[in-house]
Protein backbone atom coordinates (compact mmCIF):
# COMPACT_ATOMS: atom_id res chain seq x y z
CA MET A 1 97.09 100.86 138.89
CA LYS A 2 98.38 104.28 137.81
CA LYS A 3 96.48 106.30 135.18
CA ALA A 4 98.36 107.24 132.02
CA ASN A 5 99.13 110.91 131.68
CA LYS A 6 97.54 112.13 128.42
CA GLU A 7 99.81 115.18 128.25
CA SER A 8 103.09 113.26 128.61
CA SER A 9 103.98 113.80 124.94
CA GLU A 10 103.58 117.56 125.19
CA MET A 11 106.29 119.91 126.38
CA LEU A 12 105.90 121.29 129.84
CA PRO A 13 105.77 125.07 130.37
CA GLU A 14 108.83 125.05 132.65
CA TYR A 15 111.22 124.33 129.74
CA ASP A 16 112.98 127.59 128.88
CA PHE A 17 115.16 127.03 125.82
CA ALA A 18 116.41 130.63 125.91
CA LYS A 19 118.38 129.77 129.05
CA MET A 20 119.98 126.67 127.55
CA LYS A 21 123.66 127.04 126.64
CA GLY A 22 125.36 125.65 123.56
CA GLY A 23 122.34 125.30 121.36
CA VAL A 24 122.84 126.66 117.87
CA ARG A 25 119.95 126.85 115.45
CA GLY A 26 120.75 125.20 112.12
CA LYS A 27 124.11 123.91 113.32
CA TYR A 28 124.07 120.96 110.94
CA ALA A 29 121.93 122.43 108.16
CA LYS A 30 124.80 123.03 105.74
CA ARG A 31 126.21 119.54 106.26
CA TYR A 32 122.74 118.03 105.82
CA ARG A 33 122.13 119.85 102.54
CA ALA A 34 125.54 118.86 101.21
CA GLY A 35 124.94 115.20 101.95
CA THR A 36 121.46 114.86 100.58
CA ASN A 37 120.43 115.02 96.98
CA ILE A 38 117.40 112.83 96.67
CA VAL A 39 115.52 112.49 93.42
CA LEU A 40 112.40 110.36 93.13
CA LEU A 41 112.14 108.31 89.96
CA ASP A 42 108.97 107.00 88.39
CA PRO A 43 108.70 103.20 88.51
CA GLU A 44 109.36 102.75 84.77
CA VAL A 45 112.50 104.89 84.98
CA TYR A 46 113.67 102.98 88.04
CA LYS A 47 113.36 99.71 86.14
CA ALA A 48 115.49 101.09 83.30
CA PHE A 49 118.16 102.54 85.63
CA PRO A 50 118.44 100.35 88.72
CA THR A 51 121.62 101.97 90.11
CA ASP A 52 122.74 105.53 90.73
CA GLU A 53 125.74 104.92 88.46
CA ALA A 54 123.42 104.03 85.57
CA VAL A 55 121.34 107.17 86.08
CA ASN A 56 124.41 109.40 86.29
CA GLU A 57 125.96 107.88 83.17
CA ALA A 58 122.75 108.40 81.19
CA LEU A 59 122.42 111.99 82.36
CA ARG A 60 126.04 112.73 81.45
CA GLU A 61 125.36 111.41 77.95
CA VAL A 62 122.33 113.67 77.66
CA LEU A 63 124.44 116.65 78.73
CA THR A 64 127.12 115.78 76.18
CA THR A 65 124.52 115.47 73.43
CA THR A 66 122.90 118.75 74.42
CA LYS A 67 126.25 120.57 74.32
CA THR A 68 126.94 119.14 70.86
CA VAL A 69 123.56 120.09 69.43
CA ARG A 70 123.19 123.50 71.07
CA PRO A 71 126.15 125.84 71.55
CA SER A 72 126.75 127.37 74.96
CA THR A 73 125.47 130.86 75.76
CA SER A 74 128.94 132.37 75.33
CA GLN A 75 129.23 130.84 71.85
CA ARG A 76 125.75 132.08 70.92
CA ARG A 77 126.70 135.62 71.92
CA LYS A 78 129.72 135.48 69.61
CA LEU A 79 127.56 134.21 66.73
CA GLY A 80 124.73 136.68 67.22
């Protein structure tokens, strides 16, 4: 029976990534950031808004209400 190598999960010293061709650091970083926009909801909020459409609709309503109640910064500059 062969003994298991304890260091098998570690990288060996003979790997020289500087000599590897074609590798680009952060090649997919921009695409990854564009495709991910994760927000964690508390359980009680999740129960009230079970779908992403419901959350987005509610947030749009809040934005509309906020714009109605408080003028934009450009309008405040004209008033003040």
